[in-house]
Amino acid sequence: MLYRFILLLLPLFAFSQTHRFVYEMKHKPDSTKSYLKHDEVVLDITGDEVNFYEHQALRTDSINAIGRGRSWHGAPLSKLRRKPGSSDNINYDIINADYYAYKTTDPLPWQILPETKTVGPCTAQKAAADFHGRRWTAWFAKDIPFNEGPYKFNGLPGLIVELYDDGGNFNFKLQRIEKPAKVNTEIVETVFGNKPLEISEEKFRQMKLAYYNDPYASYRAMKPGTWAIMLDDEREIDTVEGLNSATRVTQAELRKNNNPIELDKAIRYPEK
């Protein structure tokens, strides 16, 4: 099995080139429902850089597809870049079709516990921390010599191979380890080949709320008859009445799928 084979080789090339760790992520888009969405996310580690992003970005045109703003409503986490072992993160995120970057500092107050268990081929040790409104349990493997993990979770003496919150909203589990022959070094920081606009986190939150209040504002400013929109359900709208209807649907979707990984940063969308 590739996971086991690379685990044996890790000491030989632990800090050369790029090491790719692919996790299954289960999460609840709507915290009031039991439905769990399954995705794969990627943690790329090099000697001087850590990138975290959704696995679909590895497909040929997936970044372009996301750049159109489809299927991004209510995304629970951002793409990230940081230095290994650092709590200073650059967050990359989309509002509609526009790409933004903002910086955050995210220390993790880990408590390392004595319990151990087997996760895949690894012996893992337990740790716990409170992070942005959720209580988290991590299982880390000292045999994999990277003090990193999915999303912003790092700082333990070994790779995090399993991670979940006590409310059952998020669960990450390492699925496989890869050593890619070719790496796109700009995979988190470009959409349509364009760099993101750098803003503050507070400005980003303000813009998300503004988008919620009028998600089709740019079309309202256009002259009638000069525009049309194809919605996700393949309906085409080209009138103000259609925009009003689509706005209500989008707002309801944003309110429903508002369960971000950093719970204390959830935007309180008003009822419309």
C-alpha atoms as a PDB file:
ATOM      1  CA  MET A   1       0.000   0.000   0.000  1.00  0.00           C
ATOM      2  CA  LEU A   2       1.402   3.438  -0.989  1.00  0.00           C
ATOM      3  CA  TYR A   3       0.618   4.899   2.450  1.00  0.00           C
ATOM      4  CA  ARG A   4       2.737   2.234   4.190  1.00  0.00           C
ATOM      5  CA  PHE A   5       5.529   2.308   1.600  1.00  0.00           C
ATOM      6  CA  ILE A   6       6.075   6.051   1.815  1.00  0.00           C
ATOM      7  CA  LEU A   7       5.808   5.937   5.594  1.00  0.00           C
ATOM      8  CA  LEU A   8       8.874   3.641   5.592  1.00  0.00           C
ATOM      9  CA  LEU A   9      10.784   5.989   3.288  1.00  0.00           C
ATOM     10  CA  LEU A  10       9.941   9.267   5.016  1.00  0.00           C
ATOM     11  CA  PRO A  11      13.132   9.412   7.129  1.00  0.00           C
ATOM     12  CA  LEU A  12      15.196   9.246   3.933  1.00  0.00           C
ATOM     13  CA  PHE A  13      13.752  12.352   2.305  1.00  0.00           C
ATOM     14  CA  ALA A  14      11.678  14.044   4.977  1.00  0.00           C
ATOM     15  CA  PHE A  15      12.762  17.556   4.102  1.00  0.00           C
ATOM     16  CA  SER A  16      13.370  17.363   0.351  1.00  0.00           C
ATOM     17  CA  GLN A  17      10.915  18.332  -2.361  1.00  0.00           C
ATOM     18  CA  THR A  18       7.162  18.264  -1.731  1.00  0.00           C
ATOM     19  CA  HIS A  19       5.274  15.761   0.403  1.00  0.00           C
ATOM     20  CA  ARG A  20       1.547  15.558  -0.183  1.00  0.00           C
ATOM     21  CA  PHE A  21      -0.882  14.359   2.477  1.00  0.00           C
ATOM     22  CA  VAL A  22      -4.440  13.761   1.302  1.00  0.00           C
ATOM     23  CA  TYR A  23      -7.212  13.770   3.907  1.00  0.00           C
ATOM     24  CA  GLU A  24     -10.844  12.832   3.746  1.00  0.00           C
ATOM     25  CA  MET A  25     -12.859  15.692   5.216  1.00  0.00           C
ATOM     26  CA  LYS A  26     -16.392  15.127   6.459  1.00  0.00           C
ATOM     27  CA  HIS A  27     -18.345  18.198   7.500  1.00  0.00           C
ATOM     28  CA  LYS A  28     -21.854  19.407   8.152  1.00  0.00           C
ATOM     29  CA  PRO A  29     -22.755  22.358   5.902  1.00  0.00           C
ATOM     30  CA  ASP A  30     -25.860  22.859   8.074  1.00  0.00           C
ATOM     31  CA  SER A  31     -25.198  22.307  11.784  1.00  0.00           C
ATOM     32  CA  THR A  32     -28.907  21.627  12.435  1.00  0.00           C
ATOM     33  CA  LYS A  33     -28.932  18.611  10.077  1.00  0.00           C
ATOM     34  CA  SER A  34     -27.213  15.226  10.267  1.00  0.00           C
ATOM     35  CA  TYR A  35     -26.025  15.259   6.638  1.00  0.00           C
ATOM     36  CA  LEU A  36     -22.236  15.013   6.285  1.00  0.00           C
ATOM     37  CA  LYS A  37     -20.565  16.193   3.078  1.00  0.00           C
ATOM     38  CA  HIS A  38     -17.474  14.230   2.022  1.00  0.00           C
ATOM     39  CA  ASP A  39     -14.531  15.980   0.355  1.00  0.00           C
ATOM     40  CA  GLU A  40     -10.814  15.453  -0.034  1.00  0.00           C
ATOM     41  CA  VAL A  41      -8.339  18.129   1.034  1.00  0.00           C
ATOM     42  CA  VAL A  42      -4.608  18.339   0.458  1.00  0.00           C
ATOM     43  CA  LEU A  43      -1.699  19.345   2.677  1.00  0.00           C
ATOM     44  CA  ASP A  44       1.497  20.005   0.690  1.00  0.00           C
ATOM     45  CA  ILE A  45       4.689  20.402   2.715  1.00  0.00           C
ATOM     46  CA  THR A  46       8.058  21.534   1.363  1.00  0.00           C
ATOM     47  CA  GLY A  47      11.138  22.672   3.226  1.00  0.00           C
ATOM     48  CA  ASP A  48       9.948  26.261   3.519  1.00  0.00           C
ATOM     49  CA  GLU A  49       6.216  26.289   2.726  1.00  0.00           C
ATOM     50  CA  VAL A  50       2.926  24.628   3.650  1.00  0.00           C
ATOM     51  CA  ASN A  51      -0.125  24.805   1.365  1.00  0.00           C
ATOM     52  CA  PHE A  52      -3.619  23.564   2.212  1.00  0.00           C
ATOM     53  CA  TYR A  53      -6.413  23.374  -0.378  1.00  0.00           C
ATOM     54  CA  GLU A  54      -9.291  21.281  -1.721  1.00  0.00           C
ATOM     55  CA  HIS A  55      -8.292  18.241  -3.781  1.00  0.00           C
ATOM     56  CA  GLN A  56     -10.376  19.293  -6.780  1.00  0.00           C
ATOM     57  CA  ALA A  57      -7.891  22.124  -7.352  1.00  0.00           C
ATOM     58  CA  LEU A  58      -5.508  19.475  -8.679  1.00  0.00           C
ATOM     59  CA  ARG A  59      -7.812  18.807 -11.617  1.00  0.00           C
ATOM     60  CA  THR A  60      -7.015  20.627 -14.823  1.00  0.00           C
ATOM     61  CA  ASP A  61      -9.559  23.457 -14.699  1.00  0.00           C
ATOM     62  CA  SER A  62     -10.981  23.165 -11.190  1.00  0.00           C
ATOM     63  CA  ILE A  63      -9.608  26.498 -10.005  1.00  0.00           C
ATOM     64  CA  ASN A  64     -11.266  28.163 -12.984  1.00  0.00           C
ATOM     65  CA  ALA A  65     -14.549  26.432 -12.139  1.00  0.00           C
ATOM     66  CA  ILE A  66     -14.375  27.683  -8.566  1.00  0.00           C
ATOM     67  CA  GLY A  67     -13.429  31.115  -9.847  1.00  0.00           C
ATOM     68  CA  ARG A  68     -16.850  31.395 -11.455  1.00  0.00           C
ATOM     69  CA  GLY A  69     -18.321  31.398  -7.977  1.00  0.00           C
ATOM     70  CA  ARG A  70     -20.305  28.183  -8.402  1.00  0.00           C
ATOM     71  CA  SER A  71     -20.587  25.769  -5.486  1.00  0.00           C
ATOM     72  CA  TRP A  72     -18.638  28.142  -3.239  1.00  0.00           C
ATOM     73  CA  HIS A  73     -21.533  29.443  -1.151  1.00  0.00           C
ATOM     74  CA  GLY A  74     -21.027  28.429   2.451  1.00  0.00           C
ATOM     75  CA  ALA A  75     -17.534  26.973   1.954  1.00  0.00           C
ATOM     76  CA  PRO A  76     -16.431  26.024   5.489  1.00  0.00           C
ATOM     77  CA  LEU A  77     -12.727  26.816   5.153  1.00  0.00           C
ATOM     78  CA  SER A  78     -10.202  28.770   3.113  1.00  0.00           C
ATOM     79  CA  LYS A  79      -7.145  27.761   1.184  1.00  0.00           C
ATOM     80  CA  LEU A  80      -4.033  28.471   3.227  1.00  0.00           C
ATOM     81  CA  ARG A  81      -0.314  29.137   2.967  1.00  0.00           C
ATOM     82  CA  ARG A  82       2.193  29.388   5.829  1.00  0.00           C
ATOM     83  CA  LYS A  83       5.754  28.628   6.825  1.00  0.00           C
ATOM     84  CA  PRO A  84       6.250  25.192   8.442  1.00  0.00           C
ATOM     85  CA  GLY A  85       5.539  25.334  12.160  1.00  0.00           C
ATOM     86  CA  SER A  86       4.169  28.878  11.963  1.00  0.00           C
ATOM     87  CA  SER A  87       0.804  30.081  13.271  1.00  0.00           C
ATOM     88  CA  ASP A  88       0.821  32.976  10.773  1.00  0.00           C
ATOM     89  CA  ASN A  89      -1.471  32.016   7.893  1.00  0.00           C
ATOM     90  CA  ILE A  90      -2.349  33.617   4.575  1.00  0.00           C
ATOM     91  CA  ASN A  91      -6.017  32.820   3.880  1.00  0.00           C
ATOM     92  CA  TYR A  92      -7.265  32.661   0.268  1.00  0.00           C
ATOM     93  CA  ASP A  93     -10.989  32.878  -0.345  1.00  0.00           C
ATOM     94  CA  ILE A  94     -13.597  33.805  -2.936  1.00  0.00           C
ATOM     95  CA  ILE A  95     -16.605  36.087  -2.872  1.00  0.00           C
ATOM     96  CA  ASN A  96     -18.645  35.585  -6.015  1.00  0.00           C
ATOM     97  CA  ALA A  97     -15.945  35.512  -8.731  1.00  0.00           C
ATOM     98  CA  ASP A  98     -13.390  37.675  -6.922  1.00  0.00           C
ATOM     99  CA  TYR A  99     -10.346  36.238  -5.149  1.00  0.00           C
ATOM    100  CA  TYR A 100      -8.955  37.674  -1.913  1.00  0.00           C
ATOM    101  CA  ALA A 101      -6.083  37.071   0.513  1.00  0.00           C
ATOM    102  CA  TYR A 102      -5.852  38.131   4.148  1.00  0.00           C
ATOM    103  CA  LYS A 103      -3.511  37.316   7.019  1.00  0.00           C
ATOM    104  CA  THR A 104      -4.368  35.784  10.394  1.00  0.00           C
ATOM    105  CA  THR A 105      -2.374  34.569  13.376  1.00  0.00           C
ATOM    106  CA  ASP A 106      -3.821  31.358  14.796  1.00  0.00           C
ATOM    107  CA  PRO A 107      -1.981  29.885  17.803  1.00  0.00           C
ATOM    108  CA  LEU A 108      -3.188  26.525  19.086  1.00  0.00           C
ATOM    109  CA  PRO A 109      -3.063  25.819  22.856  1.00  0.00           C
ATOM    110  CA  TRP A 110      -2.528  22.059  22.597  1.00  0.00           C
ATOM    111  CA  GLN A 111      -2.780  19.731  25.574  1.00  0.00           C
ATOM    112  CA  ILE A 112      -0.911  16.501  24.794  1.00  0.00           C
ATOM    113  CA  LEU A 113      -2.584  13.489  26.406  1.00  0.00           C
ATOM    114  CA  PRO A 114      -1.246   9.986  27.173  1.00  0.00           C
ATOM    115  CA  GLU A 115      -3.779   7.978  25.126  1.00  0.00           C
ATOM    116  CA  THR A 116      -2.617   6.260  21.931  1.00  0.00           C
ATOM    117  CA  LYS A 117      -4.352   4.327  19.154  1.00  0.00           C
ATOM    118  CA  THR A 118      -3.652   2.945  15.699  1.00  0.00           C
ATOM    119  CA  VAL A 119      -4.616   5.115  12.716  1.00  0.00           C
ATOM    120  CA  GLY A 120      -3.857   3.287   9.468  1.00  0.00           C
ATOM    121  CA  PRO A 121      -0.292   1.965   9.818  1.00  0.00           C
ATOM    122  CA  CYS A 122       0.590   4.599  12.433  1.00  0.00           C
ATOM    123  CA  THR A 123       0.636   4.639  16.188  1.00  0.00           C
ATOM    124  CA  ALA A 124      -0.946   7.979  17.058  1.00  0.00           C
ATOM    125  CA  GLN A 125      -1.077   9.965  20.285  1.00  0.00           C
ATOM    126  CA  LYS A 126      -3.967  12.128  21.439  1.00  0.00           C
ATOM    127  CA  ALA A 127      -4.010  15.908  21.885  1.00  0.00           C
ATOM    128  CA  ALA A 128      -6.820  18.402  22.483  1.00  0.00           C
ATOM    129  CA  ALA A 129      -7.334  22.140  22.034  1.00  0.00           C
ATOM    130  CA  ASP A 130     -10.013  24.808  21.952  1.00  0.00           C
ATOM    131  CA  PHE A 131      -9.902  26.704  18.664  1.00  0.00           C
ATOM    132  CA  HIS A 132     -12.291  29.442  17.538  1.00  0.00           C
ATOM    133  CA  GLY A 133     -15.415  28.187  19.253  1.00  0.00           C
ATOM    134  CA  ARG A 134     -14.948  24.421  18.950  1.00  0.00           C
ATOM    135  CA  ARG A 135     -13.246  21.755  21.050  1.00  0.00           C
ATOM    136  CA  TRP A 136     -10.881  19.655  18.931  1.00  0.00           C
ATOM    137  CA  THR A 137      -9.260  16.245  19.337  1.00  0.00           C
ATOM    138  CA  ALA A 138      -6.176  15.444  17.270  1.00  0.00           C
ATOM    139  CA  TRP A 139      -4.261  12.218  16.825  1.00  0.00           C
ATOM    140  CA  PHE A 140      -0.661  12.762  15.722  1.00  0.00           C
ATOM    141  CA  ALA A 141       1.986  10.291  14.531  1.00  0.00           C
ATOM    142  CA  LYS A 142       5.530  10.879  15.745  1.00  0.00           C
ATOM    143  CA  ASP A 143       6.755   8.492  13.028  1.00  0.00           C
ATOM    144  CA  ILE A 144       5.820  11.070  10.368  1.00  0.00           C
ATOM    145  CA  PRO A 145       8.279  13.904  11.124  1.00  0.00           C
ATOM    146  CA  PHE A 146       6.185  16.926  10.174  1.00  0.00           C
ATOM    147  CA  ASN A 147       4.670  19.156  12.868  1.00  0.00           C
ATOM    148  CA  GLU A 148       1.724  19.969  10.609  1.00  0.00           C
ATOM    149  CA  GLY A 149      -1.876  18.980   9.941  1.00  0.00           C
ATOM    150  CA  PRO A 150      -5.003  19.930   8.006  1.00  0.00           C
ATOM    151  CA  TYR A 151      -6.201  23.525   7.870  1.00  0.00           C
ATOM    152  CA  LYS A 152      -4.531  25.652  10.588  1.00  0.00           C
ATOM    153  CA  PHE A 153      -3.876  22.753  12.933  1.00  0.00           C
ATOM    154  CA  ASN A 154      -0.155  22.290  13.555  1.00  0.00           C
ATOM    155  CA  GLY A 155       2.437  22.494  16.303  1.00  0.00           C
ATOM    156  CA  LEU A 156       2.350  18.888  17.535  1.00  0.00           C
ATOM    157  CA  PRO A 157       5.449  16.606  17.533  1.00  0.00           C
ATOM    158  CA  GLY A 158       4.320  14.648  14.470  1.00  0.00           C
ATOM    159  CA  LEU A 159       1.838  14.825  11.611  1.00  0.00           C
ATOM    160  CA  ILE A 160      -1.846  15.025  12.540  1.00  0.00           C
ATOM    161  CA  VAL A 161      -3.418  11.909  11.004  1.00  0.00           C
ATOM    162  CA  GLU A 162      -6.923  12.328  12.438  1.00  0.00           C
ATOM    163  CA  LEU A 163      -8.771  15.409  13.694  1.00  0.00           C
ATOM    164  CA  TYR A 164     -12.359  16.100  14.756  1.00  0.00           C
ATOM    165  CA  ASP A 165     -14.446  18.473  16.833  1.00  0.00           C
ATOM    166  CA  ASP A 166     -16.588  17.331  19.739  1.00  0.00           C
ATOM    167  CA  GLY A 167     -19.814  18.433  18.020  1.00  0.00           C
ATOM    168  CA  GLY A 168     -19.381  16.086  15.069  1.00  0.00           C
ATOM    169  CA  ASN A 169     -19.273  18.947  12.562  1.00  0.00           C
ATOM    170  CA  PHE A 170     -15.806  18.299  11.117  1.00  0.00           C
ATOM    171  CA  ASN A 171     -13.655  15.200  10.755  1.00  0.00           C
ATOM    172  CA  PHE A 172     -10.332  14.889   8.936  1.00  0.00           C
ATOM    173  CA  LYS A 173      -8.567  11.558   8.423  1.00  0.00           C
ATOM    174  CA  LEU A 174      -5.371  10.912   6.499  1.00  0.00           C
ATOM    175  CA  GLN A 175      -6.101   8.718   3.468  1.00  0.00           C
ATOM    176  CA  ARG A 176      -2.822   8.566   1.600  1.00  0.00           C
ATOM    177  CA  ILE A 177       0.656  10.028   1.274  1.00  0.00           C
ATOM    178  CA  GLU A 178       2.052  11.040  -2.099  1.00  0.00           C
ATOM    179  CA  LYS A 179       5.310  12.375  -3.478  1.00  0.00           C
ATOM    180  CA  PRO A 180       4.204  14.310  -6.584  1.00  0.00           C
ATOM    181  CA  ALA A 181       6.571  14.518  -9.528  1.00  0.00           C
ATOM    182  CA  LYS A 182       5.258  17.964 -10.471  1.00  0.00           C
ATOM    183  CA  VAL A 183       3.867  20.688  -8.212  1.00  0.00           C
ATOM    184  CA  ASN A 184       1.990  23.864  -9.092  1.00  0.00           C
ATOM    185  CA  THR A 185       3.584  26.327  -6.679  1.00  0.00           C
ATOM    186  CA  GLU A 186       0.781  28.852  -7.240  1.00  0.00           C
ATOM    187  CA  ILE A 187      -2.111  26.455  -6.670  1.00  0.00           C
ATOM    188  CA  VAL A 188      -3.516  28.405  -3.718  1.00  0.00           C
ATOM    189  CA  GLU A 189      -2.766  31.926  -4.874  1.00  0.00           C
ATOM    190  CA  THR A 190      -4.160  32.223  -8.395  1.00  0.00           C
ATOM    191  CA  VAL A 191      -7.580  32.032 -10.033  1.00  0.00           C
ATOM    192  CA  PHE A 192      -7.763  32.440 -13.825  1.00  0.00           C
ATOM    193  CA  GLY A 193      -4.027  33.139 -13.515  1.00  0.00           C
ATOM    194  CA  ASN A 194      -4.783  36.274 -11.491  1.00  0.00           C
ATOM    195  CA  LYS A 195      -3.358  37.055  -8.072  1.00  0.00           C
ATOM    196  CA  PRO A 196      -5.754  37.769  -5.191  1.00  0.00           C
ATOM    197  CA  LEU A 197      -6.527  41.215  -3.857  1.00  0.00           C
ATOM    198  CA  GLU A 198      -4.880  41.607  -0.444  1.00  0.00           C
ATOM    199  CA  ILE A 199      -7.259  42.939   2.209  1.00  0.00           C
ATOM    200  CA  SER A 200      -7.784  42.671   5.965  1.00  0.00           C
ATOM    201  CA  GLU A 201      -9.830  39.894   7.535  1.00  0.00           C
ATOM    202  CA  GLU A 202     -12.350  42.448   8.805  1.00  0.00           C
ATOM    203  CA  LYS A 203     -12.738  43.912   5.313  1.00  0.00           C
ATOM    204  CA  PHE A 204     -13.292  40.409   3.940  1.00  0.00           C
ATOM    205  CA  ARG A 205     -16.063  39.802   6.476  1.00  0.00           C
ATOM    206  CA  GLN A 206     -17.696  43.112   5.542  1.00  0.00           C
ATOM    207  CA  MET A 207     -17.601  42.152   1.875  1.00  0.00           C
ATOM    208  CA  LYS A 208     -19.184  38.758   2.583  1.00  0.00           C
ATOM    209  CA  LEU A 209     -22.051  40.480   4.366  1.00  0.00           C
ATOM    210  CA  ALA A 210     -22.406  42.970   1.501  1.00  0.00           C
ATOM    211  CA  TYR A 211     -22.547  40.060  -0.941  1.00  0.00           C
ATOM    212  CA  TYR A 212     -25.274  38.435   1.145  1.00  0.00           C
ATOM    213  CA  ASN A 213     -27.325  41.648   1.149  1.00  0.00           C
ATOM    214  CA  ASP A 214     -27.247  41.895  -2.658  1.00  0.00           C
ATOM    215  CA  PRO A 215     -25.484  38.967  -4.377  1.00  0.00           C
ATOM    216  CA  TYR A 216     -26.434  40.218  -7.854  1.00  0.00           C
ATOM    217  CA  ALA A 217     -25.655  43.906  -7.345  1.00  0.00           C
ATOM    218  CA  SER A 218     -23.484  44.169 -10.457  1.00  0.00           C
ATOM    219  CA  TYR A 219     -26.382  43.063 -12.690  1.00  0.00           C
ATOM    220  CA  ARG A 220     -28.809  45.522 -11.123  1.00  0.00           C
ATOM    221  CA  ALA A 221     -26.531  48.332 -12.287  1.00  0.00           C
ATOM    222  CA  MET A 222     -26.751  47.216 -15.928  1.00  0.00           C
ATOM    223  CA  LYS A 223     -29.324  48.326 -18.462  1.00  0.00           C
ATOM    224  CA  PRO A 224     -32.258  45.933 -19.002  1.00  0.00           C
ATOM    225  CA  GLY A 225     -31.750  43.659 -21.975  1.00  0.00           C
ATOM    226  CA  THR A 226     -27.950  43.796 -21.808  1.00  0.00           C
ATOM    227  CA  TRP A 227     -27.411  40.868 -19.446  1.00  0.00           C
ATOM    228  CA  ALA A 228     -28.578  37.360 -18.533  1.00  0.00           C
ATOM    229  CA  ILE A 229     -27.533  34.896 -15.816  1.00  0.00           C
ATOM    230  CA  MET A 230     -27.499  31.109 -15.905  1.00  0.00           C
ATOM    231  CA  LEU A 231     -28.173  29.824 -12.386  1.00  0.00           C
ATOM    232  CA  ASP A 232     -26.830  26.595 -10.897  1.00  0.00           C
ATOM    233  CA  ASP A 233     -30.155  24.882 -11.665  1.00  0.00           C
ATOM    234  CA  GLU A 234     -29.689  25.923 -15.334  1.00  0.00           C
ATOM    235  CA  ARG A 235     -32.490  28.491 -15.235  1.00  0.00           C
ATOM    236  CA  GLU A 236     -31.733  31.688 -17.097  1.00  0.00           C
ATOM    237  CA  ILE A 237     -32.863  35.020 -15.675  1.00  0.00           C
ATOM    238  CA  ASP A 238     -32.724  38.414 -17.358  1.00  0.00           C
ATOM    239  CA  THR A 239     -35.162  40.589 -15.388  1.00  0.00           C
ATOM    240  CA  VAL A 240     -35.149  42.452 -12.068  1.00  0.00           C
ATOM    241  CA  GLU A 241     -37.948  40.170 -10.861  1.00  0.00           C
ATOM    242  CA  GLY A 242     -35.741  37.188 -11.645  1.00  0.00           C
ATOM    243  CA  LEU A 243     -32.869  38.789  -9.736  1.00  0.00           C
ATOM    244  CA  ASN A 244     -35.095  39.331  -6.714  1.00  0.00           C
ATOM    245  CA  SER A 245     -36.141  35.688  -6.737  1.00  0.00           C
ATOM    246  CA  ALA A 246     -32.549  34.460  -7.179  1.00  0.00           C
ATOM    247  CA  THR A 247     -31.428  36.771  -4.363  1.00  0.00           C
ATOM    248  CA  ARG A 248     -33.880  35.199  -1.931  1.00  0.00           C
ATOM    249  CA  VAL A 249     -32.715  31.707  -2.892  1.00  0.00           C
ATOM    250  CA  THR A 250     -29.034  32.619  -2.491  1.00  0.00           C
ATOM    251  CA  GLN A 251     -29.632  34.308   0.855  1.00  0.00           C
ATOM    252  CA  ALA A 252     -31.525  31.286   2.174  1.00  0.00           C
ATOM    253  CA  GLU A 253     -28.679  29.023   1.047  1.00  0.00           C
ATOM    254  CA  LEU A 254     -26.080  31.187   2.782  1.00  0.00           C
ATOM    255  CA  ARG A 255     -28.068  31.214   6.031  1.00  0.00           C
ATOM    256  CA  LYS A 256     -28.564  27.443   5.931  1.00  0.00           C
ATOM    257  CA  ASN A 257     -24.982  26.500   5.046  1.00  0.00           C
ATOM    258  CA  ASN A 258     -23.342  28.746   7.625  1.00  0.00           C
ATOM    259  CA  ASN A 259     -21.243  26.336   9.671  1.00  0.00           C
ATOM    260  CA  PRO A 260     -17.611  27.452   9.234  1.00  0.00           C
ATOM    261  CA  ILE A 261     -14.745  25.612  10.830  1.00  0.00           C
ATOM    262  CA  GLU A 262     -13.989  28.726  12.916  1.00  0.00           C
ATOM    263  CA  LEU A 263     -17.374  28.895  14.583  1.00  0.00           C
ATOM    264  CA  ASP A 264     -16.806  32.139  16.463  1.00  0.00           C
ATOM    265  CA  LYS A 265     -16.210  33.874  13.121  1.00  0.00           C
ATOM    266  CA  ALA A 266     -19.520  32.800  11.578  1.00  0.00           C
ATOM    267  CA  ILE A 267     -21.221  35.793   9.963  1.00  0.00           C
ATOM    268  CA  ARG A 268     -24.675  36.427  11.377  1.00  0.00           C
ATOM    269  CA  TYR A 269     -26.721  36.781   8.223  1.00  0.00           C
ATOM    270  CA  PRO A 270     -29.998  38.633   8.895  1.00  0.00           C
ATOM    271  CA  GLU A 271     -33.316  37.153   7.819  1.00  0.00           C
ATOM    272  CA  LYS A 272     -34.648  38.816   4.680  1.00  0.00           C
END
